Amino acid sequence: MNQLKALDYTAIVLYMIMMSGIGIFLGRFVKNINDYFKGGSGVSWVAGGISNFMTKFSTFIFVAYAGIAYSDGLVAITVIWSTVFPSLIAIGFFAKRWKRAGIMSPVEFLETRYNAPIRQLFSWSGVAFKLLDDMIKLYSIGLFITAASGMPFETAVIGCGIVVTLYTVVGGFWAVIVTDVVQFVILFFATLILVPLAYNAAGGLENMQAVIPQNMTWFNGKKGIPIWLTTYYILLIIRYLGNWTFIQRFYSAKTETDGQKLAGLSAVFFFIFPIIFLFPPLAARVILPNLPNPEMAYVSLCVKLLPSGIMGLMMAAMFAATMSVLSAEYNVTASVLTRDIYQRVFRPNASGKESLLVGRLMTLLVGAIVTVGALFVAGFGGAFEANKLLAGIFAVPMIVPVIVGVLMAKPQPWGALVTLFGGVALGFLLHVFFVKTDAFNLAGPGVIDEVRWAIATLVEIGFCFSVFILSGYFKSADSAYNKRVAAFFHKLTVPFVPVQESKNDDAFADAIKLMYGIAFGLTGLMFVIMGFPSRAMLSGQLALGAGSVCLALSAFLWYKARKAAALLKEEVPTATTVH
């Protein structure tokens, strides 16, 4: 397998420098804890929608889902389309509620909705779950880099972990949002270059249909079994609706309507872009028919089809995908550690300056733990299996009291406790004994593991929802609790009224446009420089075209940001809006 050349490493280094620069630049706008963890409650729907999409689209897609596409074909797209529905559901049921809740962390409302112990329990357990989940994501990018460059796996993981941690520590939520948008552009253009190359190398759709007819159907293989697919859709809907970064996008939105719009934009992206991203590994089954590890389909195709320089851009795109996810996860996890644990338990009277410092230290701690933990993910059977096992045992019991608790007032605190502990215990027993062994093979001998997993997961989901909703039929005798919950749900019925924008807000918006303009300009130059040596090839021509588009976009944003120069000469105001 060809490996990275000097030009490729140059592209990766330039990308790293640009991401770090964005974090440092935006760090100067972070004046308080509200800015650091929710962007001053002023994220526009376009930036929020792109960010919401990017925070769910890590290298896990290019490793785990690419492996499914290589092995089983179009069913990988069928599986990943499960991500569309959470955003559609959020438009009708959650976007307005999260904005009206007036929270700074995704579990802050649990004390009002239930009680203080519930808030602490879900904060600590949620942080542990997030750390494990992020370890899998960082493991994926480390695996990808190792396969492409020959770099030791440990070096790849530690290097990526350091970069994403540092720029998130400095820039906070602003860095998350702005880098998400920039990385979206890099990811889109870099991946788009590979699609026509893979199409031509595979001989077009007609040849693919002839060579791998079974892979050109939407329900092929084990992942296409109806019960497995139905279960996975239900599980992904629950996971996304309860995902802390997903919730954070809505309470950080500028208005309630913006929250609904960003959910709609996310749904569109989740529907369209998987087709673009998963076509290359689908074609790889024709181009590279005998890969020993299907999860290496994407990187193997890249090193075969992409010339030096363009391969570096693709690697930068892989960084972009995972760093968007990790930076968002680090920020929201640190918000829980700071707001729900440190401030609530240890320092309730902490000053704003102290809280901001602790928020940055918590982000650093989260990044360090995830980086170290990612080195041991391989022991769980790879990215997809580790993620599936983690979600199957912990996700549903931890999420049901959060997402149903904000929809229904009747379920009681004890219902949340039984759902969490009972659900995790049941999930563990089902997945360890029923799914992994024949000890309790209720589905009958010879049934494949995927069906067992689906049955086990459906049982756990049914248990969690039943117990939690059933607790609502036992009304609490605590009048103070009943009044508090009634007041909370009344608050959710009152529309959020945004604060009138000031001249400082307009100046800050211009500064953000300037930041986008600089970033897109550098991105365009990077594509042009890396594509020029291969200008006689289709890949080089596509890179030059992508660079030209980025440069044109940069020029437009520079024009729109003509007021930003005045801002940079003055004292930096408190940030409230991202455009």
Protein backbone atom coordinates (compact mmCIF):
# COMPACT_ATOMS: atom_id res chain seq x y z
CA MET A 1 0.00 0.00 0.00
CA ASN A 2 1.31 3.46 -0.93
CA GLN A 3 1.78 5.76 2.02
CA LEU A 4 1.82 9.48 2.63
CA LYS A 5 4.47 11.63 0.95
CA ALA A 6 6.00 14.95 2.04
CA LEU A 7 3.30 16.93 0.19
CA ASP A 8 0.59 15.02 2.04
CA TYR A 9 2.14 15.79 5.41
CA THR A 10 2.35 19.43 4.37
CA ALA A 11 -1.40 19.50 3.76
CA ILE A 12 -2.07 17.93 7.16
CA VAL A 13 0.24 20.36 8.97
CA LEU A 14 -1.37 23.36 7.24
CA TYR A 15 -4.77 22.08 8.29
CA MET A 16 -3.63 21.66 11.90
CA ILE A 17 -2.19 25.17 11.98
CA MET A 18 -5.42 26.63 10.58
CA MET A 19 -7.62 24.85 13.15
CA SER A 20 -5.36 25.96 15.99
CA GLY A 21 -5.38 29.53 14.68
CA ILE A 22 -9.18 29.60 14.65
CA GLY A 23 -9.27 28.47 18.26
CA ILE A 24 -6.77 31.13 19.34
CA PHE A 25 -8.56 33.88 17.43
CA LEU A 26 -11.98 33.01 18.84
CA GLY A 27 -10.63 32.58 22.35
CA ARG A 28 -10.40 36.37 22.65
CA PHE A 29 -14.19 36.63 22.32
CA VAL A 30 -14.87 34.27 25.22
CA LYS A 31 -15.51 36.54 28.19
CA ASN A 32 -17.72 34.39 30.38
CA ILE A 33 -19.01 30.88 30.95
CA ASN A 34 -22.11 31.54 28.81
CA ASP A 35 -19.92 32.31 25.81
CA TYR A 36 -17.71 29.28 26.46
CA PHE A 37 -20.48 26.67 26.68
CA LYS A 38 -23.37 28.03 24.60
CA GLY A 39 -21.99 30.77 22.39
CA GLY A 40 -23.94 33.55 24.09
CA SER A 41 -27.21 31.83 23.10
CA GLY A 42 -26.94 33.21 19.61
CA VAL A 43 -26.01 30.54 17.07
CA SER A 44 -27.67 31.06 13.69
CA TRP A 45 -29.54 28.16 12.12
CA VAL A 46 -27.11 27.73 9.19
CA ALA A 47 -24.03 27.47 11.40
CA GLY A 48 -25.97 25.40 13.93
CA GLY A 49 -27.29 23.02 11.28
CA ILE A 50 -23.86 22.44 9.78
CA SER A 51 -22.37 21.99 13.24
CA ASN A 52 -25.10 19.54 14.24
CA PHE A 53 -24.36 17.49 11.14
CA MET A 54 -20.60 17.59 11.60
CA THR A 55 -20.75 16.63 15.27
CA LYS A 56 -22.35 13.33 14.26
CA PHE A 57 -20.14 12.63 11.26
CA SER A 58 -16.80 11.38 12.54
CA THR A 59 -14.21 9.11 10.96
CA PHE A 60 -16.38 6.35 12.43
CA ILE A 61 -18.38 6.79 9.21
CA PHE A 62 -15.29 6.23 7.09
CA VAL A 63 -14.21 3.20 9.09
CA ALA A 64 -17.25 1.36 10.47
CA TYR A 65 -19.90 2.34 7.91
CA ALA A 66 -17.37 2.09 5.09
CA GLY A 67 -16.75 -1.48 6.22
CA ILE A 68 -20.48 -2.21 5.90
CA ALA A 69 -20.57 -0.58 2.45
CA TYR A 70 -17.62 -2.68 1.29
CA SER A 71 -19.02 -5.95 2.67
CA ASP A 72 -22.74 -5.54 2.03
CA GLY A 73 -23.18 -2.56 -0.28
CA LEU A 74 -25.98 0.01 -0.36
CA VAL A 75 -27.43 -1.24 2.91
CA ALA A 76 -24.78 0.95 4.60
CA ILE A 77 -26.68 3.99 3.33
CA THR A 78 -29.97 2.44 4.45
CA VAL A 79 -28.46 2.02 7.92
CA ILE A 80 -27.00 5.53 8.17
CA TRP A 81 -30.24 7.15 7.01
CA SER A 82 -31.49 6.39 10.53
CA THR A 83 -29.81 9.70 11.44
CA VAL A 84 -32.41 11.68 9.46
CA PHE A 85 -35.34 10.99 11.77
CA PRO A 86 -34.05 12.46 15.07
CA SER A 87 -33.75 15.87 13.43
CA LEU A 88 -37.25 15.63 11.98
CA ILE A 89 -38.67 14.63 15.37
CA ALA A 90 -36.79 17.49 17.03
CA ILE A 91 -38.52 20.02 14.77
CA GLY A 92 -41.92 19.10 16.18
CA PHE A 93 -41.18 18.13 19.77
CA PHE A 94 -37.80 19.22 21.13
CA ALA A 95 -36.31 22.31 19.45
CA LYS A 96 -38.60 24.80 21.18
CA ARG A 97 -38.55 22.99 24.52
CA TRP A 98 -34.76 23.01 24.81
CA LYS A 99 -34.60 26.71 23.97
CA ARG A 100 -37.32 27.58 26.45
CA ALA A 101 -35.67 25.53 29.21
CA GLY A 102 -33.03 28.27 29.61
CA ILE A 103 -30.19 25.87 30.39
CA MET A 104 -26.40 25.99 30.01
CA SER A 105 -25.81 22.22 30.08
CA PRO A 106 -27.96 19.35 28.76
CA VAL A 107 -28.64 17.87 32.22
CA GLU A 108 -29.08 21.11 34.15
CA PHE A 109 -32.87 20.89 33.95
CA LEU A 110 -32.93 17.49 35.70
CA GLU A 111 -32.74 19.07 39.17
CA THR A 112 -35.89 21.08 38.52
CA ARG A 113 -37.63 18.26 36.69
CA TYR A 114 -36.73 15.58 39.25
CA ASN A 115 -34.35 16.46 42.09
CA ALA A 116 -30.69 17.22 42.87
CA PRO A 117 -29.56 13.57 43.28
CA ILE A 118 -31.02 12.68 39.87
CA ARG A 119 -29.11 15.55 38.30
CA GLN A 120 -25.86 14.40 39.88
CA LEU A 121 -26.42 10.75 38.99
CA PHE A 122 -27.10 11.48 35.33
CA SER A 123 -24.25 14.00 35.22
CA TRP A 124 -21.62 11.56 36.47
CA SER A 125 -22.93 8.57 34.50
CA GLY A 126 -23.39 10.70 31.40
CA VAL A 127 -19.82 11.96 31.57
CA ALA A 128 -18.55 8.37 31.85
CA PHE A 129 -20.63 7.32 28.83
CA LYS A 130 -19.39 10.29 26.79
CA LEU A 131 -15.78 9.54 27.58
CA LEU A 132 -16.16 5.94 26.42
CA ASP A 133 -18.02 7.01 23.28
CA ASP A 134 -15.35 9.59 22.39
CA MET A 135 -12.60 7.02 22.86
CA ILE A 136 -14.16 4.98 20.04
CA LYS A 137 -14.21 8.02 17.74
CA LEU A 138 -10.58 8.90 18.42
CA TYR A 139 -9.65 5.24 17.92
CA SER A 140 -11.22 5.39 14.45
CA ILE A 141 -9.14 8.33 13.26
CA GLY A 142 -6.00 6.74 14.72
CA LEU A 143 -6.71 3.55 12.81
CA PHE A 144 -7.26 5.49 9.60
CA ILE A 145 -4.02 7.49 9.92
CA THR A 146 -1.98 4.40 10.77
CA ALA A 147 -3.23 2.56 7.69
CA ALA A 148 -2.54 5.51 5.39
CA SER A 149 0.80 6.72 6.72
CA GLY A 150 2.43 3.83 8.51
CA MET A 151 2.62 6.05 11.58
CA PRO A 152 2.42 4.10 14.85
CA PHE A 153 -1.16 3.90 16.10
CA GLU A 154 -0.25 5.39 19.47
CA THR A 155 1.43 8.39 17.83
CA ALA A 156 -1.59 9.03 15.59
CA VAL A 157 -4.06 8.90 18.47
CA ILE A 158 -2.00 11.08 20.80
CA GLY A 159 -1.26 13.66 18.09
CA CYS A 160 -4.92 14.02 17.09
CA GLY A 161 -6.01 14.08 20.72
CA ILE A 162 -3.64 16.93 21.58
CA VAL A 163 -4.65 19.17 18.66
CA VAL A 164 -8.41 18.88 19.12
CA THR A 165 -8.12 19.33 22.89
CA LEU A 166 -6.02 22.46 22.69
CA TYR A 167 -8.15 24.40 20.21
CA THR A 168 -11.32 23.46 22.07
CA VAL A 169 -9.80 24.53 25.40
CA VAL A 170 -8.94 27.97 24.04
CA GLY A 171 -11.90 28.79 21.82
CA GLY A 172 -14.77 27.03 23.60
CA PHE A 173 -18.13 26.79 21.84
CA TRP A 174 -17.17 29.47 19.32
CA ALA A 175 -14.25 27.34 18.17
CA VAL A 176 -16.58 24.32 17.92
CA ILE A 177 -19.10 26.12 15.71
CA VAL A 178 -16.69 27.94 13.41
CA THR A 179 -14.34 24.99 12.92
CA ASP A 180 -17.36 22.77 12.23
CA VAL A 181 -18.34 25.02 9.33
CA VAL A 182 -14.79 25.22 7.96
CA GLN A 183 -14.25 21.48 8.35
CA PHE A 184 -17.56 20.81 6.61
CA VAL A 185 -16.21 22.60 3.52
CA ILE A 186 -12.92 20.67 3.65
CA LEU A 187 -14.70 17.35 4.14
CA PHE A 188 -17.20 17.97 1.35
CA PHE A 189 -14.70 18.98 -1.32
CA ALA A 190 -12.07 16.40 -0.39
CA THR A 191 -14.61 13.57 -0.45
CA LEU A 192 -16.20 14.86 -3.64
CA ILE A 193 -12.84 14.52 -5.40
CA LEU A 194 -12.78 10.79 -4.64
CA VAL A 195 -16.30 10.03 -5.92
CA PRO A 196 -15.69 10.42 -9.71
CA LEU A 197 -12.32 8.68 -9.38
CA ALA A 198 -13.96 5.70 -7.69
CA TYR A 199 -16.77 5.72 -10.25
CA ASN A 200 -14.34 5.57 -13.17
CA ALA A 201 -12.08 2.97 -11.55
CA ALA A 202 -15.07 0.71 -10.85
CA GLY A 203 -16.27 0.95 -14.45
CA GLY A 204 -19.45 2.84 -13.64
CA LEU A 205 -22.71 1.71 -12.09
CA GLU A 206 -23.42 -0.78 -14.88
CA ASN A 207 -20.19 -2.69 -14.22
CA MET A 208 -20.73 -2.52 -10.45
CA GLN A 209 -24.19 -3.99 -10.92
CA ALA A 210 -22.70 -6.82 -12.95
CA VAL A 211 -19.79 -7.58 -10.60
CA ILE A 212 -21.48 -7.11 -7.21
CA PRO A 213 -25.24 -7.37 -7.89
CA GLN A 214 -26.07 -8.35 -4.31
CA ASN A 215 -24.28 -5.24 -2.98
CA MET A 216 -26.33 -2.95 -5.20
CA THR A 217 -29.52 -3.62 -3.23
CA TRP A 218 -30.69 -1.61 -0.23
CA PHE A 219 -31.31 -4.50 2.19
CA ASN A 220 -28.44 -6.90 1.52
CA GLY A 221 -26.61 -8.79 4.24
CA LYS A 222 -27.05 -9.11 7.97
CA LYS A 223 -27.57 -5.37 8.46
CA GLY A 224 -30.52 -5.52 6.04
CA ILE A 225 -32.54 -7.97 8.17
CA PRO A 226 -35.82 -6.15 8.98
CA ILE A 227 -35.71 -6.71 12.75
CA TRP A 228 -32.08 -5.55 12.96
CA LEU A 229 -32.71 -2.50 10.79
CA THR A 230 -35.87 -1.52 12.70
CA THR A 231 -34.07 -1.86 16.03
CA TYR A 232 -31.09 0.16 14.85
CA TYR A 233 -33.37 2.96 13.63
CA ILE A 234 -35.16 3.10 16.97
CA LEU A 235 -31.89 3.03 18.88
CA LEU A 236 -30.32 5.80 16.76
CA ILE A 237 -33.39 7.99 17.16
CA ILE A 238 -33.18 7.63 20.94
CA ARG A 239 -29.41 8.16 21.01
CA TYR A 240 -29.44 11.28 18.85
CA LEU A 241 -32.39 12.90 20.62
CA GLY A 242 -30.58 12.41 23.93
CA ASN A 243 -27.11 13.26 22.64
CA TRP A 244 -25.70 16.17 24.62
CA THR A 245 -24.26 17.94 21.57
CA PHE A 246 -27.61 17.53 19.78
CA ILE A 247 -29.44 19.14 22.72
CA GLN A 248 -26.77 21.85 23.00
CA ARG A 249 -27.41 23.04 19.44
CA PHE A 250 -31.03 23.85 20.30
CA TYR A 251 -30.55 25.74 23.55
CA SER A 252 -27.65 27.64 21.92
CA ALA A 253 -29.74 28.67 18.90
CA LYS A 254 -30.52 32.32 18.38
CA THR A 255 -34.30 31.77 18.41
CA GLU A 256 -36.79 28.92 18.66
CA THR A 257 -37.41 29.11 14.93
CA ASP A 258 -33.68 28.95 14.28
CA GLY A 259 -33.60 25.76 16.36
CA GLN A 260 -36.25 24.20 14.14
CA LYS A 261 -34.50 25.39 10.98
CA LEU A 262 -31.16 23.96 12.05
CA ALA A 263 -32.86 20.61 12.71
CA GLY A 264 -34.36 20.71 9.22
CA LEU A 265 -31.01 21.56 7.64
CA SER A 266 -29.39 18.73 9.60
CA ALA A 267 -32.00 16.29 8.28
CA VAL A 268 -31.27 17.35 4.69
CA PHE A 269 -27.53 16.86 5.20
CA PHE A 270 -28.02 13.49 6.88
CA PHE A 271 -30.07 12.34 3.88
CA ILE A 272 -27.88 13.63 1.04
CA PHE A 273 -24.29 13.35 2.16
CA PRO A 274 -24.15 9.65 3.13
CA ILE A 275 -24.62 8.87 -0.56
CA ILE A 276 -21.52 10.91 -1.38
CA PHE A 277 -19.43 9.64 1.50
CA LEU A 278 -20.26 5.94 1.17
CA PHE A 279 -20.09 5.54 -2.60
CA PRO A 280 -16.26 5.13 -2.67
CA PRO A 281 -16.16 2.13 -0.29
CA LEU A 282 -19.07 0.61 -2.20
CA ALA A 283 -17.03 0.91 -5.41
CA ALA A 284 -13.94 -0.38 -3.60
CA ARG A 285 -15.48 -3.87 -3.58
CA VAL A 286 -14.97 -3.91 -7.38
CA ILE A 287 -11.64 -2.04 -7.40
CA LEU A 288 -10.05 -3.86 -4.42
CA PRO A 289 -12.04 -7.11 -4.11
CA ASN A 290 -9.89 -8.96 -1.57
CA LEU A 291 -9.28 -6.58 1.32
CA PRO A 292 -8.60 -8.54 4.53
CA ASN A 293 -10.23 -5.83 6.69
CA PRO A 294 -13.40 -4.21 5.27
CA GLU A 295 -13.04 -1.27 7.68
CA MET A 296 -9.94 -0.26 5.73
CA ALA A 297 -11.86 0.07 2.45
CA TYR A 298 -11.89 3.86 2.43
CA VAL A 299 -8.25 4.44 3.24
CA SER A 300 -7.15 1.64 0.89
CA LEU A 301 -9.07 3.21 -1.99
CA CYS A 302 -7.65 6.65 -1.19
CA VAL A 303 -4.04 5.51 -1.31
CA LYS A 304 -4.71 3.68 -4.59
CA LEU A 305 -6.52 6.48 -6.45
CA LEU A 306 -5.31 9.76 -4.95
CA PRO A 307 -1.95 11.28 -5.91
CA SER A 308 0.40 12.92 -3.43
CA GLY A 309 -1.03 16.13 -2.05
CA ILE A 310 -4.64 15.17 -2.75
CA MET A 311 -4.20 12.26 -0.35
CA GLY A 312 -3.09 14.79 2.24
CA LEU A 313 -6.28 16.74 1.66
CA MET A 314 -8.30 13.58 2.22
CA MET A 315 -6.43 12.94 5.45
CA ALA A 316 -7.20 16.50 6.50
CA ALA A 317 -10.86 15.78 5.73
CA MET A 318 -10.71 12.74 8.00
CA PHE A 319 -9.24 14.94 10.71
CA ALA A 320 -12.05 17.41 10.04
CA ALA A 321 -14.75 14.79 10.49
CA THR A 322 -13.53 13.44 13.80
CA MET A 323 -12.27 16.70 15.24
CA SER A 324 -15.69 18.28 14.70
CA VAL A 325 -17.26 15.50 16.73
CA LEU A 326 -14.64 15.46 19.46
CA SER A 327 -14.43 19.22 19.92
CA ALA A 328 -18.19 19.41 20.37
CA GLU A 329 -18.22 16.43 22.72
CA TYR A 330 -15.35 17.83 24.79
CA ASN A 331 -17.10 21.19 25.13
CA VAL A 332 -20.49 19.83 26.17
CA THR A 333 -18.98 17.23 28.52
CA ALA A 334 -16.89 19.94 30.15
CA SER A 335 -20.07 22.02 30.55
CA VAL A 336 -21.62 19.23 32.63
CA LEU A 337 -18.46 18.77 34.69
CA THR A 338 -18.30 22.51 35.33
CA ARG A 339 -21.94 23.52 35.63
CA ASP A 340 -23.61 20.41 37.05
CA ILE A 341 -20.81 18.96 39.18
CA TYR A 342 -18.17 21.55 40.11
CA GLN A 343 -20.45 24.58 40.54
CA ARG A 344 -23.43 22.67 41.89
CA VAL A 345 -21.58 20.45 44.38
CA PHE A 346 -18.24 22.02 45.22
CA ARG A 347 -18.35 25.77 44.44
CA PRO A 348 -21.93 27.08 44.11
CA ASN A 349 -20.69 30.67 44.55
CA ALA A 350 -17.83 30.44 42.07
CA SER A 351 -17.18 33.67 40.21
CA GLY A 352 -17.56 33.92 36.46
CA LYS A 353 -13.79 34.10 36.01
CA GLU A 354 -13.28 31.01 38.14
CA SER A 355 -16.01 29.10 36.28
CA LEU A 356 -14.45 29.98 32.93
CA LEU A 357 -11.04 28.77 34.12
CA VAL A 358 -12.53 25.54 35.46
CA GLY A 359 -14.41 25.04 32.19
CA ARG A 360 -11.14 25.16 30.27
CA LEU A 361 -9.42 22.84 32.74
CA MET A 362 -12.32 20.39 32.50
CA THR A 363 -12.03 20.43 28.71
CA LEU A 364 -8.34 19.65 29.04
CA LEU A 365 -9.10 16.79 31.43
CA VAL A 366 -11.73 15.31 29.12
CA GLY A 367 -9.33 15.43 26.16
CA ALA A 368 -6.57 13.74 28.13
CA ILE A 369 -8.79 10.89 29.36
CA VAL A 370 -10.23 10.24 25.90
CA THR A 371 -6.79 10.26 24.27
CA VAL A 372 -5.43 7.66 26.68
CA GLY A 373 -8.57 5.51 26.58
CA ALA A 374 -8.64 5.40 22.76
CA LEU A 375 -5.46 3.33 22.84
CA PHE A 376 -7.41 0.38 24.29
CA VAL A 377 -10.58 0.32 22.12
CA ALA A 378 -9.27 -2.46 19.87
CA GLY A 379 -9.86 -4.92 22.67
CA PHE A 380 -13.62 -4.55 22.21
CA GLY A 381 -13.71 -5.91 18.65
CA GLY A 382 -13.29 -2.75 16.58
CA ALA A 383 -15.13 0.54 16.14
CA PHE A 384 -18.60 -0.60 15.08
CA GLU A 385 -18.87 -3.50 17.53
CA ALA A 386 -17.57 -1.41 20.44
CA ASN A 387 -20.03 1.35 19.63
CA LYS A 388 -22.92 -1.10 19.27
CA LEU A 389 -22.11 -2.78 22.59
CA LEU A 390 -21.78 0.54 24.41
CA ALA A 391 -25.04 1.87 23.00
CA GLY A 392 -26.88 -1.38 23.62
CA ILE A 393 -26.10 -1.46 27.32
CA PHE A 394 -25.93 2.17 28.46
CA ALA A 395 -27.50 4.56 25.96
CA VAL A 396 -31.22 3.84 26.31
CA PRO A 397 -31.44 3.71 30.15
CA MET A 398 -29.55 7.00 30.39
CA ILE A 399 -31.47 8.82 27.68
CA VAL A 400 -35.13 7.85 28.25
CA PRO A 401 -35.53 9.88 31.50
CA VAL A 402 -33.99 12.89 29.72
CA ILE A 403 -35.97 13.02 26.49
CA VAL A 404 -39.27 11.63 27.82
CA GLY A 405 -38.86 13.66 31.01
CA VAL A 406 -38.99 16.89 29.04
CA LEU A 407 -42.14 15.74 27.18
CA MET A 408 -44.18 14.23 30.04
CA ALA A 409 -44.71 15.72 33.51
CA LYS A 410 -46.13 12.66 35.25
CA PRO A 411 -43.18 10.21 35.43
CA GLN A 412 -41.54 10.31 38.86
CA PRO A 413 -37.90 10.54 40.05
CA TRP A 414 -37.97 6.92 41.20
CA GLY A 415 -39.00 5.97 37.68
CA ALA A 416 -35.83 7.64 36.36
CA LEU A 417 -33.72 5.70 38.89
CA VAL A 418 -35.28 2.32 38.09
CA THR A 419 -34.99 3.03 34.37
CA LEU A 420 -31.28 3.80 34.70
CA PHE A 421 -30.16 1.03 37.04
CA GLY A 422 -32.66 -1.59 35.91
CA GLY A 423 -32.08 -0.82 32.24
CA VAL A 424 -28.28 -1.02 32.49
CA ALA A 425 -28.46 -4.28 34.46
CA LEU A 426 -30.92 -5.80 31.99
CA GLY A 427 -28.87 -4.59 29.03
CA PHE A 428 -25.70 -6.06 30.46
CA LEU A 429 -27.32 -9.44 31.09
CA LEU A 430 -28.94 -9.55 27.66
CA HIS A 431 -25.82 -8.54 25.74
CA VAL A 432 -23.39 -10.68 27.70
CA PHE A 433 -25.48 -13.84 27.94
CA PHE A 434 -28.18 -13.69 25.27
CA VAL A 435 -26.21 -11.98 22.48
CA LYS A 436 -22.70 -13.30 23.10
CA THR A 437 -23.41 -16.86 24.24
CA ASP A 438 -25.94 -19.64 23.80
CA ALA A 439 -26.79 -19.76 27.52
CA PHE A 440 -30.12 -18.00 27.02
CA ASN A 441 -30.61 -18.47 23.31
CA LEU A 442 -34.33 -17.71 23.36
CA ALA A 443 -34.30 -17.00 19.65
CA GLY A 444 -33.47 -20.60 18.85
CA PRO A 445 -30.28 -22.36 17.79
CA GLY A 446 -28.30 -20.99 14.90
CA VAL A 447 -29.82 -17.50 14.95
CA ILE A 448 -27.21 -14.92 13.92
CA ASP A 449 -25.78 -12.48 16.43
CA GLU A 450 -27.42 -9.49 14.74
CA VAL A 451 -30.90 -10.86 15.37
CA ARG A 452 -30.02 -11.67 18.97
CA TRP A 453 -28.68 -8.14 19.40
CA ALA A 454 -31.88 -6.69 17.94
CA ILE A 455 -34.11 -8.77 20.23
CA ALA A 456 -32.01 -7.88 23.28
CA THR A 457 -32.06 -4.18 22.43
CA LEU A 458 -35.82 -4.12 21.81
CA VAL A 459 -36.41 -5.82 25.16
CA GLU A 460 -34.24 -3.23 26.90
CA ILE A 461 -35.97 -0.34 25.10
CA GLY A 462 -39.40 -1.72 25.98
CA PHE A 463 -38.40 -2.16 29.63
CA CYS A 464 -37.01 1.38 29.97
CA PHE A 465 -39.98 3.13 28.38
CA SER A 466 -42.51 0.97 30.26
CA VAL A 467 -40.97 1.47 33.69
CA PHE A 468 -40.47 5.19 33.24
CA ILE A 469 -43.96 5.90 31.89
CA LEU A 470 -45.56 3.55 34.43
CA SER A 471 -44.04 5.60 37.27
CA GLY A 472 -46.27 8.47 36.16
CA TYR A 473 -49.35 6.59 37.34
CA PHE A 474 -48.15 6.95 40.95
CA LYS A 475 -48.61 10.61 41.81
CA SER A 476 -46.08 12.10 44.23
CA ALA A 477 -47.28 13.30 47.62
CA ASP A 478 -44.52 15.90 47.73
CA SER A 479 -46.32 19.19 47.07
CA ALA A 480 -43.07 21.11 46.60
CA TYR A 481 -41.99 18.64 43.91
CA ASN A 482 -45.35 18.83 42.15
CA LYS A 483 -45.27 22.65 42.14
CA ARG A 484 -41.70 22.71 40.84
CA VAL A 485 -42.50 20.33 37.99
CA ALA A 486 -45.68 22.23 37.12
CA ALA A 487 -43.68 25.48 36.98
CA PHE A 488 -41.05 23.86 34.78
CA PHE A 489 -43.57 22.58 32.25
CA HIS A 490 -45.35 25.93 32.27
CA LYS A 491 -42.01 27.50 31.39
CA LEU A 492 -41.78 25.18 28.39
CA THR A 493 -45.04 26.63 27.07
CA VAL A 494 -43.78 30.23 27.15
CA PRO A 495 -42.13 31.30 23.88
CA PHE A 496 -38.53 32.46 24.11
CA VAL A 497 -38.06 36.16 23.36
CA PRO A 498 -34.61 36.92 21.91
CA VAL A 499 -32.67 39.97 23.05
CA GLN A 500 -32.53 42.84 20.57
CA GLU A 501 -29.22 42.85 18.73
CA SER A 502 -26.87 45.78 19.38
CA LYS A 503 -24.19 47.41 17.27
CA ASN A 504 -21.63 45.33 19.12
CA ASP A 505 -23.47 42.21 17.95
CA ASP A 506 -23.20 43.40 14.35
CA ALA A 507 -19.50 44.09 14.81
CA PHE A 508 -18.94 40.64 16.24
CA ALA A 509 -20.86 39.09 13.34
CA ASP A 510 -18.51 40.90 10.96
CA ALA A 511 -15.54 39.52 12.88
CA ILE A 512 -16.88 35.99 12.50
CA LYS A 513 -17.39 36.54 8.78
CA LEU A 514 -13.80 37.73 8.60
CA MET A 515 -12.71 34.56 10.39
CA TYR A 516 -14.66 32.45 7.89
CA GLY A 517 -13.16 34.45 5.04
CA ILE A 518 -9.61 33.85 6.25
CA ALA A 519 -10.27 30.14 6.86
CA PHE A 520 -11.93 29.57 3.48
CA GLY A 521 -9.12 31.51 1.79
CA LEU A 522 -6.50 29.31 3.43
CA THR A 523 -8.55 26.23 2.56
CA GLY A 524 -8.75 27.34 -1.06
CA LEU A 525 -5.00 27.93 -1.21
CA MET A 526 -4.41 24.53 0.32
CA PHE A 527 -6.54 22.83 -2.36
CA VAL A 528 -4.85 24.81 -5.15
CA ILE A 529 -1.32 24.11 -3.90
CA MET A 530 -1.97 20.42 -3.34
CA GLY A 531 -3.83 20.01 -6.63
CA PHE A 532 -1.36 21.86 -8.85
CA PRO A 533 1.25 19.07 -9.11
CA SER A 534 -1.54 16.73 -10.31
CA ARG A 535 -3.22 19.30 -12.62
CA ALA A 536 -3.00 16.96 -15.60
CA MET A 537 -5.08 14.38 -13.74
CA LEU A 538 -8.78 14.47 -12.93
CA SER A 539 -8.05 14.52 -9.20
CA GLY A 540 -5.82 17.57 -9.57
CA GLN A 541 -8.38 19.37 -11.71
CA LEU A 542 -11.09 18.70 -9.16
CA ALA A 543 -8.85 19.99 -6.37
CA LEU A 544 -8.11 23.16 -8.34
CA GLY A 545 -11.84 23.65 -8.92
CA ALA A 546 -12.59 23.16 -5.23
CA GLY A 547 -9.86 25.63 -4.33
CA SER A 548 -11.28 28.21 -6.73
CA VAL A 549 -14.72 27.90 -5.15
CA CYS A 550 -13.26 28.32 -1.66
CA LEU A 551 -11.29 31.39 -2.75
CA ALA A 552 -14.40 32.93 -4.28
CA LEU A 553 -16.33 32.26 -1.08
CA SER A 554 -13.48 33.79 0.89
CA ALA A 555 -13.56 36.97 -1.19
CA PHE A 556 -17.32 37.27 -0.70
CA LEU A 557 -17.01 36.90 3.08
CA TRP A 558 -14.17 39.42 3.21
CA TYR A 559 -16.43 41.89 1.42
CA LYS A 560 -19.28 41.19 3.83
CA ALA A 561 -16.93 41.61 6.79
CA ARG A 562 -15.69 45.09 5.86
CA LYS A 563 -16.70 46.38 9.31
CA ALA A 564 -14.54 43.83 11.12
CA ALA A 565 -11.37 45.92 10.92
CA ALA A 566 -12.93 48.50 13.22
CA LEU A 567 -13.78 45.76 15.72
CA LEU A 568 -10.22 44.47 15.87
CA LYS A 569 -8.96 47.96 16.80
CA GLU A 570 -11.37 48.26 19.69
CA GLU A 571 -11.90 46.31 22.88
CA VAL A 572 -13.51 42.98 22.05
CA PRO A 573 -17.22 42.94 23.09
CA THR A 574 -19.05 39.99 24.59
CA ALA A 575 -20.04 37.63 21.78
CA THR A 576 -23.70 36.92 21.21
CA THR A 577 -24.29 35.90 17.62
CA VAL A 578 -22.72 33.66 15.00
CA HIS A 579 -23.71 34.11 11.36
